[in-house]
Amino acid sequence: LPVYFFHGWLPKAHVEAPLRGSMVLAGVLLKLGGYGVIRMISVFGRAVWLTNVVVVSVAIVGGFICRILCLVQSDVKALIAYSSIGHMGIRLGGVLSSLKGGVDGGIWIMFSHGLCSPCLFCLAAVSYSVCNSRRVMISKGFLVIFPFLSIFWFVYGSLNIGCPPSVNFLSEVILVARILRMRKFFIFFLGMMSFVGGVYCMNLYTMVNHGLSRVFLISKTIIGERHIVIMAFCMFVLFFGGLVFDLVW
């Protein structure tokens, strides 16, 4: 599970891995750590509550630091990887609150992150195939060259922020409520995490889609129809899946 002080392998793995490796890592492997935490809570319950406060503090503060690092990242894949660490920090805090709503919110955010993050890595791979570089300053002009893909950049950037009525929004609201019920002094870090998350997602969309890059290696096989259909289906599920969830507090 990517937590601050233990996350150093994640950005390097995403940067070095191909598209399939990044999608499997973000969509499947990161959820195994979350499942292990849920199983641990089901065994120990509130017996380790005092220890949970320490771990939650490290996860929340570390997630805030990682989101600050997203503002200065020049690599698109590294930026998305650090964003995953921030989301997993909130998820870990909610699950370790030992409350029913926290566990449910942790499961929902794992589900939503498992769909949103692989699609962002797919878009990053498309940007690399066009510009032959993952640098944010070089990957520009998608709104002019590929306006259809800019729609996906905008939608998944918004989902990564947690716009309503998406599953990301509902899960983050429930997790924040459970963490604040555990300790009130987390309110500053949670508020700043939400603000900084919106800033770097908007910055990523603006840098990649606006402007015009001089380095374009346009290929006829930018993205297949299968990928477009899958991303459109994931977008529909993330936006409207929360309306049919059993919201048990």
C-alpha atoms as a PDB file:
ATOM      1  CA  LEU A   1       0.000   0.000   0.000  1.00  0.00           C
ATOM      2  CA  PRO A   2       1.577   3.317  -1.001  1.00  0.00           C
ATOM      3  CA  VAL A   3       2.012   5.336   2.195  1.00  0.00           C
ATOM      4  CA  TYR A   4       4.431   8.172   2.845  1.00  0.00           C
ATOM      5  CA  PHE A   5       7.920   6.919   3.871  1.00  0.00           C
ATOM      6  CA  PHE A   6       7.118   3.631   2.074  1.00  0.00           C
ATOM      7  CA  HIS A   7       6.043   4.870  -1.358  1.00  0.00           C
ATOM      8  CA  GLY A   8       9.429   5.391  -3.030  1.00  0.00           C
ATOM      9  CA  TRP A   9       8.975   2.376  -5.285  1.00  0.00           C
ATOM     10  CA  LEU A  10       5.655   3.519  -6.781  1.00  0.00           C
ATOM     11  CA  PRO A  11       6.637   6.505  -8.998  1.00  0.00           C
ATOM     12  CA  LYS A  12       9.749   4.696 -10.215  1.00  0.00           C
ATOM     13  CA  ALA A  13       7.715   1.578 -11.048  1.00  0.00           C
ATOM     14  CA  HIS A  14       5.151   3.585 -13.011  1.00  0.00           C
ATOM     15  CA  VAL A  15       7.803   5.563 -14.896  1.00  0.00           C
ATOM     16  CA  GLU A  16       9.699   2.436 -15.945  1.00  0.00           C
ATOM     17  CA  ALA A  17       6.683   0.217 -16.614  1.00  0.00           C
ATOM     18  CA  PRO A  18       4.851   0.000 -19.951  1.00  0.00           C
ATOM     19  CA  LEU A  19       1.190   0.951 -20.227  1.00  0.00           C
ATOM     20  CA  ARG A  20      -0.090  -2.519 -19.335  1.00  0.00           C
ATOM     21  CA  GLY A  21       2.138  -2.670 -16.276  1.00  0.00           C
ATOM     22  CA  SER A  22       0.983   0.744 -15.049  1.00  0.00           C
ATOM     23  CA  MET A  23      -2.681  -0.129 -15.524  1.00  0.00           C
ATOM     24  CA  VAL A  24      -2.345  -3.428 -13.649  1.00  0.00           C
ATOM     25  CA  LEU A  25      -0.306  -1.780 -10.893  1.00  0.00           C
ATOM     26  CA  ALA A  26      -2.808   1.054 -10.381  1.00  0.00           C
ATOM     27  CA  GLY A  27      -5.960  -0.972 -10.947  1.00  0.00           C
ATOM     28  CA  VAL A  28      -5.187  -4.228  -9.142  1.00  0.00           C
ATOM     29  CA  LEU A  29      -1.996  -4.370  -7.092  1.00  0.00           C
ATOM     30  CA  LEU A  30      -2.598  -1.207  -5.049  1.00  0.00           C
ATOM     31  CA  LYS A  31      -5.977  -2.618  -4.005  1.00  0.00           C
ATOM     32  CA  LEU A  32      -4.401  -5.728  -2.474  1.00  0.00           C
ATOM     33  CA  GLY A  33      -2.811  -3.593   0.259  1.00  0.00           C
ATOM     34  CA  GLY A  34      -6.167  -1.950   0.937  1.00  0.00           C
ATOM     35  CA  TYR A  35      -7.848  -5.337   1.177  1.00  0.00           C
ATOM     36  CA  GLY A  36      -5.187  -6.450   3.663  1.00  0.00           C
ATOM     37  CA  VAL A  37      -5.871  -3.412   5.863  1.00  0.00           C
ATOM     38  CA  ILE A  38      -9.610  -4.142   5.825  1.00  0.00           C
ATOM     39  CA  ARG A  39      -8.958  -7.741   6.840  1.00  0.00           C
ATOM     40  CA  MET A  40      -6.676  -6.570   9.635  1.00  0.00           C
ATOM     41  CA  ILE A  41      -9.366  -4.232  10.962  1.00  0.00           C
ATOM     42  CA  SER A  42     -11.927  -7.051  10.866  1.00  0.00           C
ATOM     43  CA  VAL A  43      -9.611  -9.160  13.047  1.00  0.00           C
ATOM     44  CA  PHE A  44      -8.329  -6.583  15.552  1.00  0.00           C
ATOM     45  CA  GLY A  45     -11.232  -4.117  15.531  1.00  0.00           C
ATOM     46  CA  ARG A  46     -10.802  -1.140  17.846  1.00  0.00           C
ATOM     47  CA  ALA A  47      -8.113  -2.867  19.918  1.00  0.00           C
ATOM     48  CA  VAL A  48      -5.366  -0.975  18.046  1.00  0.00           C
ATOM     49  CA  TRP A  49      -7.230   2.360  17.937  1.00  0.00           C
ATOM     50  CA  LEU A  50      -4.418   4.362  19.572  1.00  0.00           C
ATOM     51  CA  THR A  51      -1.924   2.947  17.094  1.00  0.00           C
ATOM     52  CA  ASN A  52      -4.364   3.821  14.291  1.00  0.00           C
ATOM     53  CA  VAL A  53      -4.139   7.512  15.200  1.00  0.00           C
ATOM     54  CA  VAL A  54      -0.378   7.471  14.612  1.00  0.00           C
ATOM     55  CA  VAL A  55      -0.678   5.621  11.302  1.00  0.00           C
ATOM     56  CA  VAL A  56      -3.501   7.874  10.116  1.00  0.00           C
ATOM     57  CA  SER A  57      -1.432  10.949  10.980  1.00  0.00           C
ATOM     58  CA  VAL A  58       1.456   9.665   8.849  1.00  0.00           C
ATOM     59  CA  ALA A  59      -0.904   8.770   5.990  1.00  0.00           C
ATOM     60  CA  ILE A  60      -2.744  12.117   5.959  1.00  0.00           C
ATOM     61  CA  VAL A  61       0.341  14.312   6.312  1.00  0.00           C
ATOM     62  CA  GLY A  62       2.209  12.165   3.800  1.00  0.00           C
ATOM     63  CA  GLY A  63      -0.678  12.377   1.342  1.00  0.00           C
ATOM     64  CA  PHE A  64      -0.634  16.161   1.687  1.00  0.00           C
ATOM     65  CA  ILE A  65       3.118  16.264   1.000  1.00  0.00           C
ATOM     66  CA  CYS A  66       2.713  14.003  -2.040  1.00  0.00           C
ATOM     67  CA  ARG A  67       0.032  16.284  -3.457  1.00  0.00           C
ATOM     68  CA  ILE A  68       2.385  19.215  -3.006  1.00  0.00           C
ATOM     69  CA  LEU A  69       4.980  17.217  -4.950  1.00  0.00           C
ATOM     70  CA  CYS A  70       2.448  16.816  -7.766  1.00  0.00           C
ATOM     71  CA  LEU A  71       2.641  20.568  -8.338  1.00  0.00           C
ATOM     72  CA  VAL A  72       6.342  20.397  -9.233  1.00  0.00           C
ATOM     73  CA  GLN A  73       6.384  17.165 -11.230  1.00  0.00           C
ATOM     74  CA  SER A  74       7.540  17.414 -14.828  1.00  0.00           C
ATOM     75  CA  ASP A  75       6.755  13.762 -15.687  1.00  0.00           C
ATOM     76  CA  VAL A  76       3.095  13.014 -16.437  1.00  0.00           C
ATOM     77  CA  LYS A  77       3.242   9.413 -15.193  1.00  0.00           C
ATOM     78  CA  ALA A  78       5.074  10.397 -12.009  1.00  0.00           C
ATOM     79  CA  LEU A  79       2.422  13.050 -11.348  1.00  0.00           C
ATOM     80  CA  ILE A  80      -0.383  10.493 -11.654  1.00  0.00           C
ATOM     81  CA  ALA A  81       1.553   8.081  -9.423  1.00  0.00           C
ATOM     82  CA  TYR A  82       2.003  10.679  -6.658  1.00  0.00           C
ATOM     83  CA  SER A  83      -1.701  11.473  -6.989  1.00  0.00           C
ATOM     84  CA  SER A  84      -2.458   7.823  -6.239  1.00  0.00           C
ATOM     85  CA  ILE A  85      -0.468   8.091  -3.004  1.00  0.00           C
ATOM     86  CA  GLY A  86      -2.625  11.020  -1.909  1.00  0.00           C
ATOM     87  CA  HIS A  87      -5.837   9.093  -2.577  1.00  0.00           C
ATOM     88  CA  MET A  88      -4.577   6.024  -0.756  1.00  0.00           C
ATOM     89  CA  GLY A  89      -3.645   8.189   2.246  1.00  0.00           C
ATOM     90  CA  ILE A  90      -7.257   9.339   2.615  1.00  0.00           C
ATOM     91  CA  ARG A  91      -8.479   5.768   2.094  1.00  0.00           C
ATOM     92  CA  LEU A  92      -6.151   4.391   4.772  1.00  0.00           C
ATOM     93  CA  GLY A  93      -7.277   7.074   7.221  1.00  0.00           C
ATOM     94  CA  GLY A  94     -10.942   6.269   6.676  1.00  0.00           C
ATOM     95  CA  VAL A  95     -10.492   2.518   7.002  1.00  0.00           C
ATOM     96  CA  LEU A  96      -8.392   2.805  10.167  1.00  0.00           C
ATOM     97  CA  SER A  97     -11.071   4.919  11.810  1.00  0.00           C
ATOM     98  CA  SER A  98     -12.686   1.530  12.568  1.00  0.00           C
ATOM     99  CA  LEU A  99     -16.112   2.911  11.650  1.00  0.00           C
ATOM    100  CA  LYS A 100     -18.555   1.229   9.289  1.00  0.00           C
ATOM    101  CA  GLY A 101     -18.781   4.230   6.990  1.00  0.00           C
ATOM    102  CA  GLY A 102     -14.979   4.479   6.831  1.00  0.00           C
ATOM    103  CA  VAL A 103     -14.641   0.901   5.592  1.00  0.00           C
ATOM    104  CA  ASP A 104     -17.404   1.404   3.018  1.00  0.00           C
ATOM    105  CA  GLY A 105     -15.835   4.653   1.817  1.00  0.00           C
ATOM    106  CA  GLY A 106     -12.450   2.941   1.571  1.00  0.00           C
ATOM    107  CA  ILE A 107     -13.922   0.190  -0.605  1.00  0.00           C
ATOM    108  CA  TRP A 108     -15.659   2.727  -2.861  1.00  0.00           C
ATOM    109  CA  ILE A 109     -12.575   4.883  -3.316  1.00  0.00           C
ATOM    110  CA  MET A 110     -10.542   1.766  -4.165  1.00  0.00           C
ATOM    111  CA  PHE A 111     -13.146   0.903  -6.790  1.00  0.00           C
ATOM    112  CA  SER A 112     -13.213   4.413  -8.252  1.00  0.00           C
ATOM    113  CA  HIS A 113      -9.426   4.773  -8.185  1.00  0.00           C
ATOM    114  CA  GLY A 114      -9.089   1.373  -9.864  1.00  0.00           C
ATOM    115  CA  LEU A 115     -11.020   2.737 -12.858  1.00  0.00           C
ATOM    116  CA  CYS A 116      -9.868   6.367 -12.951  1.00  0.00           C
ATOM    117  CA  SER A 117      -6.118   5.948 -12.496  1.00  0.00           C
ATOM    118  CA  PRO A 118      -5.575   3.321 -15.271  1.00  0.00           C
ATOM    119  CA  CYS A 119      -7.473   5.553 -17.712  1.00  0.00           C
ATOM    120  CA  LEU A 120      -5.210   8.469 -16.800  1.00  0.00           C
ATOM    121  CA  PHE A 121      -2.167   6.287 -17.444  1.00  0.00           C
ATOM    122  CA  CYS A 122      -3.687   5.307 -20.793  1.00  0.00           C
ATOM    123  CA  LEU A 123      -4.043   8.988 -21.710  1.00  0.00           C
ATOM    124  CA  ALA A 124      -0.451   9.581 -20.581  1.00  0.00           C
ATOM    125  CA  ALA A 125       0.672   6.764 -22.882  1.00  0.00           C
ATOM    126  CA  VAL A 126      -1.183   8.405 -25.769  1.00  0.00           C
ATOM    127  CA  SER A 127       0.589  11.675 -24.995  1.00  0.00           C
ATOM    128  CA  TYR A 128       3.933   9.853 -25.041  1.00  0.00           C
ATOM    129  CA  SER A 129       3.153   8.181 -28.389  1.00  0.00           C
ATOM    130  CA  VAL A 130       2.350  11.580 -29.896  1.00  0.00           C
ATOM    131  CA  CYS A 131       5.218  13.662 -28.505  1.00  0.00           C
ATOM    132  CA  ASN A 132       7.738  10.907 -27.702  1.00  0.00           C
ATOM    133  CA  SER A 133       8.160  12.480 -24.279  1.00  0.00           C
ATOM    134  CA  ARG A 134       6.432  12.396 -20.896  1.00  0.00           C
ATOM    135  CA  ARG A 135       7.455  15.955 -20.003  1.00  0.00           C
ATOM    136  CA  VAL A 136       4.490  18.171 -19.222  1.00  0.00           C
ATOM    137  CA  MET A 137       6.130  21.163 -20.894  1.00  0.00           C
ATOM    138  CA  ILE A 138       6.519  19.246 -24.169  1.00  0.00           C
ATOM    139  CA  SER A 139       3.179  17.389 -24.225  1.00  0.00           C
ATOM    140  CA  LYS A 140       0.958  20.230 -25.379  1.00  0.00           C
ATOM    141  CA  GLY A 141      -1.677  21.036 -27.939  1.00  0.00           C
ATOM    142  CA  PHE A 142      -4.061  18.082 -27.589  1.00  0.00           C
ATOM    143  CA  LEU A 143      -7.050  20.429 -27.739  1.00  0.00           C
ATOM    144  CA  VAL A 144      -5.940  21.529 -31.211  1.00  0.00           C
ATOM    145  CA  ILE A 145      -4.683  18.241 -32.599  1.00  0.00           C
ATOM    146  CA  PHE A 146      -6.954  15.693 -30.839  1.00  0.00           C
ATOM    147  CA  PRO A 147     -10.012  17.482 -29.414  1.00  0.00           C
ATOM    148  CA  PHE A 148     -11.811  14.179 -28.842  1.00  0.00           C
ATOM    149  CA  LEU A 149      -9.092  12.960 -26.466  1.00  0.00           C
ATOM    150  CA  SER A 150      -9.170  16.317 -24.677  1.00  0.00           C
ATOM    151  CA  ILE A 151     -12.674  15.426 -23.541  1.00  0.00           C
ATOM    152  CA  PHE A 152     -11.306  12.355 -21.790  1.00  0.00           C
ATOM    153  CA  TRP A 153      -8.497  14.426 -20.254  1.00  0.00           C
ATOM    154  CA  PHE A 154     -11.061  16.855 -18.862  1.00  0.00           C
ATOM    155  CA  VAL A 155     -13.455  14.178 -17.602  1.00  0.00           C
ATOM    156  CA  TYR A 156     -10.863  12.011 -15.892  1.00  0.00           C
ATOM    157  CA  GLY A 157      -9.103  15.047 -14.474  1.00  0.00           C
ATOM    158  CA  SER A 158     -12.432  16.090 -12.960  1.00  0.00           C
ATOM    159  CA  LEU A 159     -13.000  12.574 -11.635  1.00  0.00           C
ATOM    160  CA  ASN A 160      -9.541  12.580 -10.110  1.00  0.00           C
ATOM    161  CA  ILE A 161     -10.453  15.794  -8.254  1.00  0.00           C
ATOM    162  CA  GLY A 162     -13.711  14.229  -7.073  1.00  0.00           C
ATOM    163  CA  CYS A 163     -16.453  16.200  -8.779  1.00  0.00           C
ATOM    164  CA  PRO A 164     -20.082  15.448  -7.856  1.00  0.00           C
ATOM    165  CA  PRO A 165     -22.045  13.225  -8.352  1.00  0.00           C
ATOM    166  CA  SER A 166     -19.240  10.786  -9.069  1.00  0.00           C
ATOM    167  CA  VAL A 167     -18.252   7.811  -6.928  1.00  0.00           C
ATOM    168  CA  ASN A 168     -14.967   9.605  -6.152  1.00  0.00           C
ATOM    169  CA  PHE A 169     -16.863  12.527  -4.627  1.00  0.00           C
ATOM    170  CA  LEU A 170     -19.182  10.394  -2.485  1.00  0.00           C
ATOM    171  CA  SER A 171     -16.376   8.198  -1.190  1.00  0.00           C
ATOM    172  CA  GLU A 172     -14.096  11.132  -0.340  1.00  0.00           C
ATOM    173  CA  VAL A 173     -16.889  12.960   1.502  1.00  0.00           C
ATOM    174  CA  ILE A 174     -17.612   9.895   3.624  1.00  0.00           C
ATOM    175  CA  LEU A 175     -13.910   9.264   4.320  1.00  0.00           C
ATOM    176  CA  VAL A 176     -13.283  12.886   5.313  1.00  0.00           C
ATOM    177  CA  ALA A 177     -16.281  12.796   7.655  1.00  0.00           C
ATOM    178  CA  ARG A 178     -15.030   9.619   9.321  1.00  0.00           C
ATOM    179  CA  ILE A 179     -11.474  10.931   9.684  1.00  0.00           C
ATOM    180  CA  LEU A 180     -12.714  14.182  11.257  1.00  0.00           C
ATOM    181  CA  ARG A 181     -14.885  12.183  13.616  1.00  0.00           C
ATOM    182  CA  MET A 182     -11.730  10.367  14.681  1.00  0.00           C
ATOM    183  CA  ARG A 183      -9.628  13.536  15.184  1.00  0.00           C
ATOM    184  CA  LYS A 184     -10.612  17.136  14.434  1.00  0.00           C
ATOM    185  CA  PHE A 185      -7.077  18.428  13.920  1.00  0.00           C
ATOM    186  CA  PHE A 186      -6.870  16.691  10.511  1.00  0.00           C
ATOM    187  CA  ILE A 187      -9.204  19.305   9.032  1.00  0.00           C
ATOM    188  CA  PHE A 188      -6.373  21.568   7.829  1.00  0.00           C
ATOM    189  CA  PHE A 189      -4.511  18.807   5.985  1.00  0.00           C
ATOM    190  CA  LEU A 190      -7.709  17.365   4.471  1.00  0.00           C
ATOM    191  CA  GLY A 191      -8.825  20.789   3.266  1.00  0.00           C
ATOM    192  CA  MET A 192      -5.438  21.540   1.749  1.00  0.00           C
ATOM    193  CA  MET A 193      -5.326  18.100   0.114  1.00  0.00           C
ATOM    194  CA  SER A 194      -8.626  18.827  -1.636  1.00  0.00           C
ATOM    195  CA  PHE A 195      -7.475  22.292  -2.725  1.00  0.00           C
ATOM    196  CA  VAL A 196      -4.037  21.188  -3.965  1.00  0.00           C
ATOM    197  CA  GLY A 197      -5.597  18.168  -5.712  1.00  0.00           C
ATOM    198  CA  GLY A 198      -7.822  20.501  -7.715  1.00  0.00           C
ATOM    199  CA  VAL A 199      -4.878  22.759  -8.543  1.00  0.00           C
ATOM    200  CA  TYR A 200      -2.569  20.083  -9.955  1.00  0.00           C
ATOM    201  CA  CYS A 201      -5.376  18.342 -11.894  1.00  0.00           C
ATOM    202  CA  MET A 202      -6.358  21.629 -13.522  1.00  0.00           C
ATOM    203  CA  ASN A 203      -2.705  22.393 -14.172  1.00  0.00           C
ATOM    204  CA  LEU A 204      -2.196  18.971 -15.782  1.00  0.00           C
ATOM    205  CA  TYR A 205      -5.186  19.426 -18.068  1.00  0.00           C
ATOM    206  CA  THR A 206      -4.123  22.961 -19.032  1.00  0.00           C
ATOM    207  CA  MET A 207      -0.499  22.063 -19.720  1.00  0.00           C
ATOM    208  CA  VAL A 208      -1.296  18.986 -21.816  1.00  0.00           C
ATOM    209  CA  ASN A 209      -4.253  20.285 -23.824  1.00  0.00           C
ATOM    210  CA  HIS A 210      -3.606  24.007 -24.287  1.00  0.00           C
ATOM    211  CA  GLY A 211      -0.789  25.583 -26.241  1.00  0.00           C
ATOM    212  CA  LEU A 212       0.924  24.063 -29.241  1.00  0.00           C
ATOM    213  CA  SER A 213       3.996  21.892 -29.090  1.00  0.00           C
ATOM    214  CA  ARG A 214       6.603  21.885 -31.820  1.00  0.00           C
ATOM    215  CA  VAL A 215       7.339  18.203 -31.208  1.00  0.00           C
ATOM    216  CA  PHE A 216       4.592  16.067 -32.726  1.00  0.00           C
ATOM    217  CA  LEU A 217       5.165  12.564 -34.029  1.00  0.00           C
ATOM    218  CA  ILE A 218       1.581  11.904 -35.093  1.00  0.00           C
ATOM    219  CA  SER A 219       0.718   8.265 -35.659  1.00  0.00           C
ATOM    220  CA  LYS A 220      -2.376   6.863 -37.290  1.00  0.00           C
ATOM    221  CA  THR A 221      -2.800   4.351 -34.450  1.00  0.00           C
ATOM    222  CA  ILE A 222      -2.925   6.767 -31.534  1.00  0.00           C
ATOM    223  CA  ILE A 223      -5.589   4.904 -29.559  1.00  0.00           C
ATOM    224  CA  GLY A 224      -7.738   1.961 -30.477  1.00  0.00           C
ATOM    225  CA  GLU A 225     -11.517   1.818 -30.510  1.00  0.00           C
ATOM    226  CA  ARG A 226     -11.427  -0.727 -27.698  1.00  0.00           C
ATOM    227  CA  HIS A 227      -9.646   1.724 -25.400  1.00  0.00           C
ATOM    228  CA  ILE A 228     -12.125   4.491 -26.235  1.00  0.00           C
ATOM    229  CA  VAL A 229     -15.096   2.229 -25.477  1.00  0.00           C
ATOM    230  CA  ILE A 230     -13.562   1.085 -22.184  1.00  0.00           C
ATOM    231  CA  MET A 231     -12.762   4.651 -21.065  1.00  0.00           C
ATOM    232  CA  ALA A 232     -16.275   5.798 -21.994  1.00  0.00           C
ATOM    233  CA  PHE A 233     -17.778   2.908 -20.008  1.00  0.00           C
ATOM    234  CA  CYS A 234     -15.583   3.647 -16.971  1.00  0.00           C
ATOM    235  CA  MET A 235     -16.563   7.315 -17.214  1.00  0.00           C
ATOM    236  CA  PHE A 236     -20.274   6.385 -17.156  1.00  0.00           C
ATOM    237  CA  VAL A 237     -19.816   4.027 -14.193  1.00  0.00           C
ATOM    238  CA  LEU A 238     -17.819   6.570 -12.161  1.00  0.00           C
ATOM    239  CA  PHE A 239     -20.262   9.413 -12.770  1.00  0.00           C
ATOM    240  CA  PHE A 240     -23.511   7.545 -12.190  1.00  0.00           C
ATOM    241  CA  GLY A 241     -22.470   4.466 -10.214  1.00  0.00           C
ATOM    242  CA  GLY A 242     -22.799   6.349  -6.927  1.00  0.00           C
ATOM    243  CA  LEU A 243     -26.528   6.811  -7.526  1.00  0.00           C
ATOM    244  CA  VAL A 244     -27.145   3.068  -7.137  1.00  0.00           C
ATOM    245  CA  PHE A 245     -24.714   2.388  -4.282  1.00  0.00           C
ATOM    246  CA  ASP A 246     -26.127   1.398  -0.927  1.00  0.00           C
ATOM    247  CA  LEU A 247     -25.018   4.427   1.112  1.00  0.00           C
ATOM    248  CA  VAL A 248     -24.819   2.849   4.546  1.00  0.00           C
ATOM    249  CA  TRP A 249     -23.483   5.213   7.208  1.00  0.00           C
END
